[in-house]
N, C-alpha and C. Protein backbone atom coordinates (compact mmCIF):
# COMPACT_ATOMS: atom_id res chain seq x y z
N MET A 1 -7.04 66.61 21.91
CA MET A 1 -7.42 65.36 22.61
C MET A 1 -8.63 64.67 21.92
N VAL A 2 -9.74 65.61 21.81
CA VAL A 2 -10.91 65.01 21.37
C VAL A 2 -10.86 64.39 19.84
N ARG A 3 -10.12 65.54 19.09
CA ARG A 3 -10.05 64.95 17.52
C ARG A 3 -9.35 63.71 17.50
N THR A 4 -8.16 63.41 18.52
CA THR A 4 -7.65 62.18 18.01
C THR A 4 -8.43 60.99 18.44
N SER A 5 -9.18 61.14 19.72
CA SER A 5 -10.39 60.06 20.14
C SER A 5 -11.39 59.88 18.89
N ASN A 6 -11.58 60.96 18.27
CA ASN A 6 -12.73 60.77 17.18
C ASN A 6 -12.08 60.05 15.95
N ARG A 7 -10.78 60.03 15.77
CA ARG A 7 -10.20 59.79 14.42
C ARG A 7 -9.93 58.21 14.77
N LEU A 8 -9.86 58.08 15.96
CA LEU A 8 -9.64 56.58 16.35
C LEU A 8 -10.81 55.84 16.27
N LEU A 9 -11.72 56.36 16.80
CA LEU A 9 -13.45 55.90 16.72
C LEU A 9 -13.69 55.63 15.44
N VAL A 10 -13.41 56.64 14.46
CA VAL A 10 -14.15 56.48 13.06
C VAL A 10 -13.15 55.40 12.41
N SER A 11 -11.81 55.29 12.63
CA SER A 11 -11.10 54.38 12.04
C SER A 11 -11.46 53.05 12.54
N SER A 12 -11.79 52.76 13.74
CA SER A 12 -12.28 51.56 14.03
C SER A 12 -13.64 51.08 13.59
N ILE A 13 -14.52 52.07 13.43
CA ILE A 13 -15.68 51.66 12.84
C ILE A 13 -15.59 51.37 11.37
N LEU A 14 -14.69 52.18 10.56
CA LEU A 14 -14.46 51.99 9.22
C LEU A 14 -13.75 50.49 9.14
N CYS A 15 -12.95 50.04 10.07
CA CYS A 15 -12.13 48.76 10.13
C CYS A 15 -13.22 47.66 10.18
N VAL A 16 -14.25 47.83 11.12
CA VAL A 16 -15.18 46.98 11.46
C VAL A 16 -16.17 46.86 10.39
N GLY A 17 -16.61 47.86 9.63
CA GLY A 17 -17.46 48.03 8.55
C GLY A 17 -16.65 47.24 7.22
N ALA A 18 -15.48 47.43 7.07
CA ALA A 18 -15.12 46.88 5.84
C ALA A 18 -14.71 45.46 6.21
N PHE A 19 -14.65 44.86 7.56
CA PHE A 19 -14.57 43.70 7.76
C PHE A 19 -15.89 42.87 7.44
N VAL A 20 -17.08 43.38 8.06
CA VAL A 20 -18.30 43.05 7.92
C VAL A 20 -18.77 43.02 6.38
N LEU A 21 -18.45 43.87 5.58
CA LEU A 21 -18.79 43.78 4.18
C LEU A 21 -17.90 42.87 3.45
N THR A 22 -16.63 42.75 3.80
CA THR A 22 -15.98 41.70 3.13
C THR A 22 -16.68 40.18 3.37
N ARG A 23 -16.81 39.92 4.77
CA ARG A 23 -17.41 38.61 5.07
C ARG A 23 -18.78 38.72 4.26
N PHE A 24 -19.46 39.68 4.08
CA PHE A 24 -20.88 39.18 3.59
C PHE A 24 -20.67 39.05 2.18
N ALA A 25 -19.52 39.72 1.29
CA ALA A 25 -19.35 39.52 -0.02
C ALA A 25 -18.89 38.18 -0.26
N LEU A 26 -18.22 37.79 0.58
CA LEU A 26 -17.40 36.37 0.24
C LEU A 26 -18.48 35.46 0.71
N GLU A 27 -19.44 35.08 1.40
CA GLU A 27 -20.37 34.37 1.66
C GLU A 27 -21.48 34.56 0.42
N ALA A 28 -21.45 35.74 -0.28
CA ALA A 28 -22.54 35.95 -1.16
C ALA A 28 -22.11 35.19 -2.48
N PHE A 29 -20.67 35.21 -2.59
CA PHE A 29 -19.75 35.03 -3.92
C PHE A 29 -19.28 33.58 -4.20
N VAL A 30 -18.94 33.20 -2.95
CA VAL A 30 -17.89 31.92 -2.66
C VAL A 30 -18.84 30.92 -1.98
N ALA A 31 -18.65 29.50 -2.67
CA ALA A 31 -19.22 28.48 -1.78
C ALA A 31 -19.18 28.27 -0.58
N PRO A 32 -19.99 28.05 0.40
CA PRO A 32 -19.82 27.89 1.73
C PRO A 32 -18.76 26.77 2.08
N ARG A 33 -18.04 26.73 2.95
CA ARG A 33 -17.23 25.92 3.43
C ARG A 33 -17.65 24.51 3.97
N THR A 34 -17.23 23.48 3.85
CA THR A 34 -18.06 22.22 4.12
C THR A 34 -17.57 21.85 5.42
N THR A 35 -18.49 21.75 6.29
CA THR A 35 -18.03 21.48 7.74
C THR A 35 -17.56 19.93 7.92
N THR A 36 -16.56 19.80 8.89
CA THR A 36 -16.24 18.43 8.92
C THR A 36 -16.63 18.18 10.44
N PRO A 37 -16.86 16.62 10.55
CA PRO A 37 -17.34 16.24 11.68
C PRO A 37 -16.57 16.68 13.06
N SER A 38 -17.01 16.68 14.14
CA SER A 38 -16.39 16.95 15.33
C SER A 38 -15.56 15.87 15.44
N LEU A 39 -14.45 15.82 16.54
CA LEU A 39 -13.63 14.90 16.86
C LEU A 39 -14.54 13.92 17.91
N GLN A 40 -15.60 14.66 18.47
CA GLN A 40 -16.38 13.86 19.39
C GLN A 40 -17.10 12.71 18.33
N SER A 41 -17.69 13.23 17.28
CA SER A 41 -18.23 12.26 16.63
C SER A 41 -17.59 11.32 15.83
N LYS A 42 -16.29 11.63 15.52
CA LYS A 42 -15.24 10.63 14.92
C LYS A 42 -15.18 9.63 15.92
N LEU A 43 -14.68 10.20 17.05
CA LEU A 43 -14.29 9.13 18.10
C LEU A 43 -15.66 8.10 18.32
N GLN A 44 -16.90 8.59 18.24
CA GLN A 44 -18.03 7.72 18.52
C GLN A 44 -18.08 6.55 17.47
N LEU A 45 -17.68 7.21 16.20
CA LEU A 45 -17.79 6.17 15.02
C LEU A 45 -16.84 5.39 15.17
N LYS A 46 -15.47 5.42 15.61
CA LYS A 46 -14.54 4.68 15.65
C LYS A 46 -14.95 3.83 16.72
N ALA A 47 -15.38 4.17 17.62
CA ALA A 47 -15.71 3.27 19.14
C ALA A 47 -16.61 2.10 18.61
N ARG A 48 -17.52 2.39 17.69
CA ARG A 48 -18.53 1.63 17.19
C ARG A 48 -18.04 0.62 16.33
N GLY A 49 -16.88 0.77 15.67
CA GLY A 49 -16.25 -0.19 14.72
C GLY A 49 -16.58 0.44 13.40
N GLY A 50 -17.09 1.42 13.20
CA GLY A 50 -17.57 2.08 11.97
C GLY A 50 -16.74 3.13 11.25
N GLY A 51 -17.17 3.60 10.15
CA GLY A 51 -16.39 4.70 9.66
C GLY A 51 -15.93 4.26 8.44
N GLU A 52 -14.88 4.89 7.66
CA GLU A 52 -14.18 4.60 6.40
C GLU A 52 -13.74 3.03 5.93
N TYR A 53 -13.87 2.44 7.01
CA TYR A 53 -13.52 0.94 6.47
C TYR A 53 -14.73 -0.09 6.62
N ASP A 54 -16.00 0.43 6.60
CA ASP A 54 -17.19 -0.47 6.26
C ASP A 54 -17.12 -0.93 4.94
N ILE A 55 -16.69 -1.89 4.59
CA ILE A 55 -16.67 -2.85 3.48
C ILE A 55 -17.01 -3.99 3.69
N SER A 56 -17.93 -4.32 2.75
CA SER A 56 -18.56 -5.77 2.71
C SER A 56 -17.82 -6.78 1.89
N ASP A 57 -18.26 -8.02 1.92
CA ASP A 57 -17.60 -9.00 1.19
C ASP A 57 -17.88 -8.94 -0.22
N ALA A 58 -19.38 -8.63 -0.40
CA ALA A 58 -19.97 -8.10 -1.58
C ALA A 58 -19.38 -6.77 -2.25
N ASP A 59 -19.17 -5.79 -1.56
CA ASP A 59 -18.28 -4.73 -2.03
C ASP A 59 -17.14 -5.09 -2.49
N ILE A 60 -16.05 -5.85 -1.99
CA ILE A 60 -14.88 -6.47 -2.41
C ILE A 60 -15.20 -7.08 -3.71
N GLN A 61 -16.13 -8.19 -3.66
CA GLN A 61 -16.37 -8.89 -4.94
C GLN A 61 -16.80 -7.95 -6.22
N ASN A 62 -17.52 -7.00 -5.93
CA ASN A 62 -18.08 -6.16 -7.04
C ASN A 62 -16.58 -5.21 -7.46
N PHE A 63 -15.74 -4.89 -6.57
CA PHE A 63 -14.74 -4.22 -7.08
C PHE A 63 -13.73 -5.12 -7.83
N TYR A 64 -13.55 -6.26 -7.52
CA TYR A 64 -13.03 -7.22 -8.16
C TYR A 64 -13.33 -7.52 -9.57
N ASN A 65 -14.71 -7.60 -9.57
CA ASN A 65 -15.24 -7.99 -10.76
C ASN A 65 -15.15 -6.72 -11.97
N SER A 66 -15.03 -5.30 -11.55
CA SER A 66 -14.89 -4.42 -12.40
C SER A 66 -13.37 -4.25 -12.77
N LEU A 67 -12.61 -4.85 -12.11
CA LEU A 67 -11.14 -4.95 -12.63
C LEU A 67 -10.94 -6.16 -13.62
N LEU A 68 -11.78 -6.95 -13.99
CA LEU A 68 -11.72 -8.01 -14.88
C LEU A 68 -11.85 -7.53 -16.24
N THR A 69 -12.36 -6.39 -16.65
CA THR A 69 -12.68 -5.82 -17.94
C THR A 69 -11.40 -5.47 -18.77
N GLY A 70 -10.25 -5.56 -18.45
CA GLY A 70 -9.04 -5.35 -19.34
C GLY A 70 -8.71 -6.53 -20.14
N ALA A 71 -7.58 -6.17 -20.92
CA ALA A 71 -7.04 -7.19 -21.82
C ALA A 71 -6.03 -8.11 -21.03
N GLY A 72 -5.64 -7.81 -19.88
CA GLY A 72 -4.77 -8.69 -19.00
C GLY A 72 -3.20 -8.43 -19.43
N GLY A 73 -2.59 -9.38 -18.83
CA GLY A 73 -1.01 -9.14 -18.89
C GLY A 73 -0.41 -8.33 -18.17
N ASP A 74 0.85 -7.99 -18.24
CA ASP A 74 1.82 -7.20 -17.44
C ASP A 74 1.33 -5.87 -17.76
N PRO A 75 1.63 -4.88 -16.83
CA PRO A 75 1.27 -3.37 -16.86
C PRO A 75 2.29 -2.57 -17.88
N PRO A 76 1.87 -1.92 -18.53
CA PRO A 76 2.54 -1.29 -19.70
C PRO A 76 4.07 -0.67 -19.12
N LYS A 77 4.83 -0.68 -19.92
CA LYS A 77 6.14 0.07 -19.52
C LYS A 77 6.04 1.43 -19.22
N GLY A 78 6.68 2.36 -18.27
CA GLY A 78 6.53 3.60 -18.28
C GLY A 78 5.37 4.10 -17.34
N THR A 79 4.43 3.25 -16.84
CA THR A 79 3.42 3.43 -15.94
C THR A 79 3.80 3.60 -14.39
N VAL A 80 3.06 4.31 -13.76
CA VAL A 80 3.30 4.21 -12.06
C VAL A 80 3.29 2.66 -11.56
N LEU A 81 2.26 1.92 -12.11
CA LEU A 81 2.05 0.70 -11.41
C LEU A 81 3.13 -0.35 -12.12
N SER A 82 3.73 -0.21 -13.25
CA SER A 82 4.92 -0.88 -13.41
C SER A 82 6.22 -0.82 -12.86
N GLU A 83 6.35 0.68 -12.53
CA GLU A 83 7.55 1.12 -12.02
C GLU A 83 7.62 0.63 -10.58
N LEU A 84 6.42 0.61 -9.80
CA LEU A 84 6.24 0.29 -8.38
C LEU A 84 6.41 -1.31 -8.22
N ILE A 85 5.63 -1.91 -9.09
CA ILE A 85 6.10 -3.42 -8.92
C ILE A 85 7.37 -3.67 -9.15
N VAL A 86 8.08 -3.22 -10.09
CA VAL A 86 9.57 -3.82 -10.40
C VAL A 86 10.40 -3.10 -9.07
N LYS A 87 9.87 -1.95 -8.50
CA LYS A 87 10.77 -1.11 -7.21
C LYS A 87 10.73 -2.09 -6.32
N PHE A 88 9.54 -2.78 -6.04
CA PHE A 88 9.12 -3.43 -4.76
C PHE A 88 9.23 -5.25 -4.88
N PHE A 89 9.28 -5.55 -6.06
CA PHE A 89 9.31 -6.94 -6.27
C PHE A 89 10.31 -7.84 -6.98
N HIS A 90 11.14 -6.74 -7.79
CA HIS A 90 12.42 -7.24 -8.65
C HIS A 90 13.55 -7.38 -7.74
N GLY A 91 13.69 -8.42 -7.37
CA GLY A 91 14.82 -8.80 -6.42
C GLY A 91 14.54 -9.97 -5.71
N ASP A 92 15.26 -10.28 -4.54
CA ASP A 92 15.60 -11.64 -3.80
C ASP A 92 14.79 -11.47 -2.53
N PHE A 93 13.73 -12.20 -2.04
CA PHE A 93 13.22 -12.12 -0.78
C PHE A 93 14.00 -12.98 0.03
N THR A 94 14.99 -12.56 1.04
CA THR A 94 15.71 -13.38 1.91
C THR A 94 15.11 -13.34 3.31
N PRO A 95 15.65 -14.40 4.15
CA PRO A 95 15.20 -14.33 5.70
C PRO A 95 15.66 -13.00 6.17
N GLN A 96 16.79 -12.26 5.55
CA GLN A 96 17.36 -10.84 6.13
C GLN A 96 16.52 -9.97 5.55
N GLY A 97 15.55 -9.85 4.68
CA GLY A 97 14.57 -8.94 4.20
C GLY A 97 14.74 -8.87 2.67
N PHE A 98 14.18 -7.93 1.87
CA PHE A 98 14.24 -7.91 0.65
C PHE A 98 15.52 -7.12 0.00
N LYS A 99 15.94 -7.75 -0.86
CA LYS A 99 17.28 -7.44 -1.62
C LYS A 99 16.85 -6.90 -2.87
N ARG A 100 16.97 -5.60 -3.27
CA ARG A 100 16.34 -5.04 -4.51
C ARG A 100 17.41 -5.36 -5.64
N TYR A 101 16.86 -5.72 -6.65
CA TYR A 101 17.98 -5.94 -7.82
C TYR A 101 18.86 -4.56 -8.08
N SER A 102 20.06 -5.06 -8.40
CA SER A 102 21.04 -3.67 -8.21
C SER A 102 21.67 -3.84 -9.73
N GLY A 103 21.25 -4.72 -10.60
CA GLY A 103 21.91 -4.96 -12.16
C GLY A 103 21.40 -3.69 -12.84
N LEU A 104 21.84 -3.92 -14.17
CA LEU A 104 21.34 -3.15 -15.05
C LEU A 104 19.84 -3.33 -15.78
N TRP A 105 19.06 -2.42 -16.02
CA TRP A 105 17.87 -2.81 -16.47
C TRP A 105 17.92 -3.14 -17.78
N LYS A 106 16.82 -3.96 -18.21
CA LYS A 106 16.93 -4.46 -19.48
C LYS A 106 16.77 -3.54 -20.50
N GLY A 107 15.72 -2.52 -20.26
CA GLY A 107 15.41 -1.67 -21.34
C GLY A 107 14.29 -2.04 -22.35
N PRO A 108 14.24 -1.63 -23.16
CA PRO A 108 15.05 -0.60 -24.13
C PRO A 108 14.83 0.92 -23.61
N PRO A 109 15.76 1.81 -23.52
CA PRO A 109 17.18 1.54 -23.96
C PRO A 109 17.53 0.95 -22.60
N PRO A 110 18.79 0.13 -22.92
CA PRO A 110 19.54 -0.29 -21.49
C PRO A 110 19.56 0.53 -20.33
N GLY A 111 19.55 0.16 -19.24
CA GLY A 111 19.53 0.95 -18.06
C GLY A 111 18.30 1.74 -17.79
N ASN A 112 17.11 1.43 -18.34
CA ASN A 112 15.84 1.95 -18.15
C ASN A 112 15.06 0.74 -18.10
N ILE A 113 13.83 0.76 -17.06
CA ILE A 113 13.03 -0.53 -16.85
C ILE A 113 12.17 -0.70 -18.07
N GLY A 114 12.29 -2.17 -18.36
CA GLY A 114 11.59 -2.42 -19.72
C GLY A 114 10.67 -3.50 -19.60
N LYS A 115 10.09 -4.19 -20.43
CA LYS A 115 9.40 -5.34 -20.24
C LYS A 115 9.71 -6.46 -19.65
N LYS A 116 10.87 -6.92 -19.93
CA LYS A 116 11.59 -8.25 -19.33
C LYS A 116 11.47 -7.85 -17.70
N ASP A 117 12.09 -6.50 -17.48
CA ASP A 117 12.05 -6.38 -16.03
C ASP A 117 10.79 -6.36 -15.42
N ILE A 118 9.76 -5.76 -15.94
CA ILE A 118 8.22 -5.81 -15.49
C ILE A 118 8.05 -7.20 -15.23
N ALA A 119 8.17 -8.23 -16.21
CA ALA A 119 7.77 -9.48 -16.33
C ALA A 119 8.65 -10.20 -15.18
N VAL A 120 9.49 -9.93 -14.74
CA VAL A 120 10.15 -10.77 -13.49
C VAL A 120 9.71 -9.94 -12.16
N GLY A 121 9.26 -8.75 -12.14
CA GLY A 121 8.72 -8.08 -11.27
C GLY A 121 7.15 -8.35 -10.88
N VAL A 122 6.53 -8.95 -11.96
CA VAL A 122 5.08 -9.17 -11.83
C VAL A 122 5.26 -10.92 -11.27
N ALA A 123 6.18 -11.56 -11.87
CA ALA A 123 6.53 -13.05 -11.34
C ALA A 123 6.57 -12.98 -9.99
N LYS A 124 7.52 -12.15 -9.48
CA LYS A 124 7.73 -12.20 -8.17
C LYS A 124 6.72 -11.72 -7.35
N LEU A 125 5.86 -10.78 -7.85
CA LEU A 125 4.57 -10.20 -7.07
C LEU A 125 3.89 -11.37 -6.94
N LYS A 126 3.40 -12.02 -7.90
CA LYS A 126 2.48 -13.53 -8.00
C LYS A 126 2.92 -14.38 -6.84
N GLU A 127 4.21 -14.65 -7.07
CA GLU A 127 4.87 -15.68 -5.99
C GLU A 127 4.69 -15.14 -4.54
N GLN A 128 4.96 -13.78 -4.20
CA GLN A 128 4.73 -13.34 -2.93
C GLN A 128 3.43 -13.31 -2.40
N MET A 129 2.53 -13.08 -3.32
CA MET A 129 1.03 -13.25 -2.98
C MET A 129 0.42 -14.53 -2.79
N ALA A 130 1.09 -15.61 -3.42
CA ALA A 130 0.69 -16.99 -3.22
C ALA A 130 1.32 -17.18 -2.07
N ASN A 131 2.66 -16.96 -1.55
CA ASN A 131 3.30 -17.65 -0.45
C ASN A 131 4.14 -16.61 0.17
N PRO A 132 3.60 -15.30 1.05
CA PRO A 132 4.15 -14.45 1.45
C PRO A 132 5.35 -14.98 2.44
N MET A 133 6.47 -14.22 2.26
CA MET A 133 7.68 -14.49 3.25
C MET A 133 7.51 -13.64 4.36
N PHE A 134 7.28 -12.43 4.27
CA PHE A 134 6.95 -11.46 5.22
C PHE A 134 5.82 -11.03 5.93
N VAL A 135 4.85 -10.55 5.07
CA VAL A 135 3.63 -10.48 5.52
C VAL A 135 2.57 -11.39 5.88
N THR A 136 2.28 -11.36 7.17
CA THR A 136 1.30 -12.11 7.97
C THR A 136 0.03 -11.44 8.50
N LYS A 137 0.19 -10.08 8.73
CA LYS A 137 -0.85 -9.38 9.17
C LYS A 137 -0.55 -8.07 8.42
N GLY A 138 -1.77 -7.31 8.03
CA GLY A 138 -2.05 -5.92 7.40
C GLY A 138 -2.48 -5.09 8.45
N GLY A 139 -2.21 -3.83 8.48
CA GLY A 139 -2.64 -2.85 9.29
C GLY A 139 -2.46 -1.34 8.64
N VAL A 140 -2.69 -0.58 9.73
CA VAL A 140 -2.70 0.79 9.17
C VAL A 140 -1.41 1.74 8.77
N GLY A 141 -0.25 0.97 9.13
CA GLY A 141 0.92 1.61 8.70
C GLY A 141 2.34 1.02 9.50
N TYR A 142 3.37 1.58 9.01
CA TYR A 142 4.59 1.13 9.54
C TYR A 142 4.78 1.51 11.05
N GLY A 143 5.18 0.53 11.93
CA GLY A 143 5.60 0.77 13.11
C GLY A 143 4.22 0.94 13.90
N VAL A 144 3.01 0.01 13.47
CA VAL A 144 1.74 0.26 14.33
C VAL A 144 2.28 -1.15 15.20
N ASP A 145 1.52 -1.04 16.58
CA ASP A 145 1.52 -2.05 17.35
C ASP A 145 1.05 -3.50 16.72
N GLU A 146 1.56 -4.51 16.80
CA GLU A 146 1.08 -5.60 16.47
C GLU A 146 -0.25 -6.05 16.82
N THR A 147 -0.71 -5.54 18.01
CA THR A 147 -2.19 -5.75 18.27
C THR A 147 -3.17 -5.00 17.43
N GLN A 148 -2.91 -3.74 17.05
CA GLN A 148 -3.83 -3.13 16.09
C GLN A 148 -3.97 -3.56 14.73
N LYS A 149 -3.02 -4.43 14.11
CA LYS A 149 -2.91 -5.18 12.70
C LYS A 149 -4.10 -6.16 12.73
N VAL A 150 -4.45 -6.56 11.44
CA VAL A 150 -5.52 -7.49 11.26
C VAL A 150 -4.79 -8.81 10.66
N GLU A 151 -5.19 -9.92 11.18
CA GLU A 151 -4.35 -11.16 10.57
C GLU A 151 -5.28 -11.65 9.30
N ASP A 152 -4.80 -12.52 8.61
CA ASP A 152 -5.50 -12.91 7.48
C ASP A 152 -6.42 -13.60 7.78
N ASP A 153 -7.52 -13.34 6.88
CA ASP A 153 -9.00 -13.86 7.17
C ASP A 153 -9.16 -15.11 6.54
N GLY A 154 -8.28 -15.60 5.76
CA GLY A 154 -8.49 -16.79 4.79
C GLY A 154 -9.39 -16.76 3.68
N LYS A 155 -9.86 -15.63 3.41
CA LYS A 155 -10.70 -15.08 2.27
C LYS A 155 -10.05 -14.95 0.75
N GLY A 156 -8.74 -15.07 0.64
CA GLY A 156 -7.94 -14.97 -0.38
C GLY A 156 -7.72 -13.71 -0.95
N TRP A 157 -7.96 -12.73 -0.17
CA TRP A 157 -7.70 -11.39 -0.75
C TRP A 157 -6.54 -10.46 -0.08
N VAL A 158 -5.78 -10.14 -0.96
CA VAL A 158 -4.47 -9.18 -0.55
C VAL A 158 -4.64 -8.03 -1.04
N TRP A 159 -4.53 -6.94 -0.30
CA TRP A 159 -4.52 -5.73 -0.95
C TRP A 159 -2.98 -5.01 -1.02
N LEU A 160 -2.99 -4.45 -2.37
CA LEU A 160 -1.68 -3.86 -2.01
C LEU A 160 -1.80 -2.42 -2.19
N LEU A 161 -0.93 -1.54 -1.62
CA LEU A 161 -1.31 -0.15 -1.63
C LEU A 161 0.39 0.71 -1.86
N ALA A 162 -0.08 1.76 -2.23
CA ALA A 162 1.04 2.74 -2.54
C ALA A 162 0.79 4.33 -2.28
N GLY A 163 1.75 4.76 -1.63
CA GLY A 163 1.47 5.83 -1.23
C GLY A 163 2.58 6.85 -1.55
N MET A 164 2.65 8.27 -1.41
CA MET A 164 3.70 9.32 -1.80
C MET A 164 4.16 9.79 -0.43
N ARG A 165 5.53 9.98 -0.17
CA ARG A 165 6.06 10.46 0.98
C ARG A 165 7.30 11.27 0.04
N PRO A 166 7.75 12.23 1.10
CA PRO A 166 8.78 13.21 0.58
C PRO A 166 10.04 12.55 -0.16
N GLY A 167 10.39 11.24 0.13
CA GLY A 167 11.51 10.51 -0.48
C GLY A 167 11.05 9.75 -1.63
N GLY A 168 9.92 9.69 -1.92
CA GLY A 168 9.42 9.12 -3.39
C GLY A 168 8.29 8.03 -3.05
N PRO A 169 8.09 7.33 -3.77
CA PRO A 169 6.82 6.33 -3.56
C PRO A 169 6.96 5.28 -2.48
N ALA A 170 6.22 5.03 -1.63
CA ALA A 170 6.08 4.02 -0.58
C ALA A 170 5.11 2.92 -0.93
N GLY A 171 5.61 1.55 -0.79
CA GLY A 171 4.42 0.57 -1.16
C GLY A 171 4.28 -0.37 0.25
N GLY A 172 3.32 -0.93 0.08
CA GLY A 172 2.89 -1.96 1.25
C GLY A 172 1.91 -2.93 0.89
N VAL A 173 1.84 -3.91 1.82
CA VAL A 173 1.03 -5.07 1.47
C VAL A 173 -0.06 -4.98 2.73
């Protein structure tokens, strides 16, 4: 009986020793974990109206100015941007909703999205940005209470966004 309890005690001490040794080795050779702010501090920041959405008009203007350095024109064929524009703007905007184009893409090769399809999508995008049929408020996502969304402030900025979900890309305004 005494030998069994000694073996158990020795095994426990060895396990604890191995654990402590492993922890010290990890801390010595691996970068420390970054700590995330507590839930309390996140709530306090949100209650004050601050946080990740603290962007001034000057920040927006600087961002816009940084985008004006390209050659202009439609996005190139085969890029994510051109594919998203065609997916979400090539079609008809009707009072019943957006009806996506269901014909054959112009290509080349026929059946694939080409420059002509991108041009149509960009034209519809510009049309919707100038006179939107559906978007009158922006917000944090689909299905959010209307009181949580933001109305157009009249400053002329429209933000487009895209995200990825299991079913494929998702876009929004």
